[in-house]
Amino acid sequence: MTEIQSIMLSVCFGSVVGYFISNIVIIVKYAIEDHREKKRRKAEDKQ
């Protein structure tokens, strides 16, 4: 493998890993927001 191919592989692998990590972070963020919204609605229903 040439040096350019090695660099291209590193860039592609890094972008895929970064995309995967960002998707996980976004999923967790939406799960937390959904949980907070349900909790808020439950508190409003009690009042």
Protein backbone atom coordinates (compact mmCIF):
# COMPACT_ATOMS: atom_id res chain seq x y z
CA MET A 1 0.00 0.00 0.00
CA THR A 2 1.38 3.37 -0.95
CA GLU A 3 1.53 6.33 1.38
CA ILE A 4 -1.35 8.09 -0.39
CA GLN A 5 -3.55 5.00 -0.11
CA SER A 6 -2.73 4.76 3.57
CA ILE A 7 -3.70 8.40 4.11
CA MET A 8 -6.95 7.93 2.15
CA LEU A 9 -7.81 4.86 4.22
CA SER A 10 -7.15 6.76 7.45
CA VAL A 11 -9.34 9.67 6.35
CA CYS A 12 -12.19 7.40 5.30
CA PHE A 13 -12.01 5.31 8.44
CA GLY A 14 -11.86 8.42 10.61
CA SER A 15 -14.89 9.96 8.92
CA VAL A 16 -16.93 6.76 9.32
CA VAL A 17 -16.01 6.46 13.00
CA GLY A 18 -16.82 10.15 13.56
CA TYR A 19 -20.19 9.76 11.84
CA PHE A 20 -20.97 6.68 13.97
CA ILE A 21 -20.05 8.49 17.21
CA SER A 22 -22.10 11.55 16.27
CA ASN A 23 -25.13 9.36 15.52
CA ILE A 24 -24.85 7.76 18.95
CA VAL A 25 -24.62 11.19 20.61
CA ILE A 26 -27.68 12.44 18.70
CA ILE A 27 -29.70 9.33 19.64
CA VAL A 28 -28.82 9.80 23.32
CA LYS A 29 -29.71 13.51 23.11
CA TYR A 30 -33.15 12.78 21.66
CA ALA A 31 -33.77 10.03 24.21
CA ILE A 32 -32.99 12.48 27.05
CA GLU A 33 -35.23 15.16 25.53
CA ASP A 34 -38.06 12.66 25.12
CA HIS A 35 -37.69 11.52 28.74
CA ARG A 36 -37.75 15.13 30.00
CA GLU A 37 -40.82 15.91 27.88
CA LYS A 38 -42.69 12.88 29.25
CA LYS A 39 -41.72 13.87 32.80
CA ARG A 40 -42.91 17.45 32.22
CA ARG A 41 -46.23 16.29 30.76
CA LYS A 42 -46.76 13.92 33.68
CA ALA A 43 -46.12 16.76 36.15
CA GLU A 44 -48.58 19.03 34.29
CA ASP A 45 -51.26 16.33 34.31
CA LYS A 46 -51.00 16.00 38.10
CA GLN A 47 -51.70 19.70 38.62
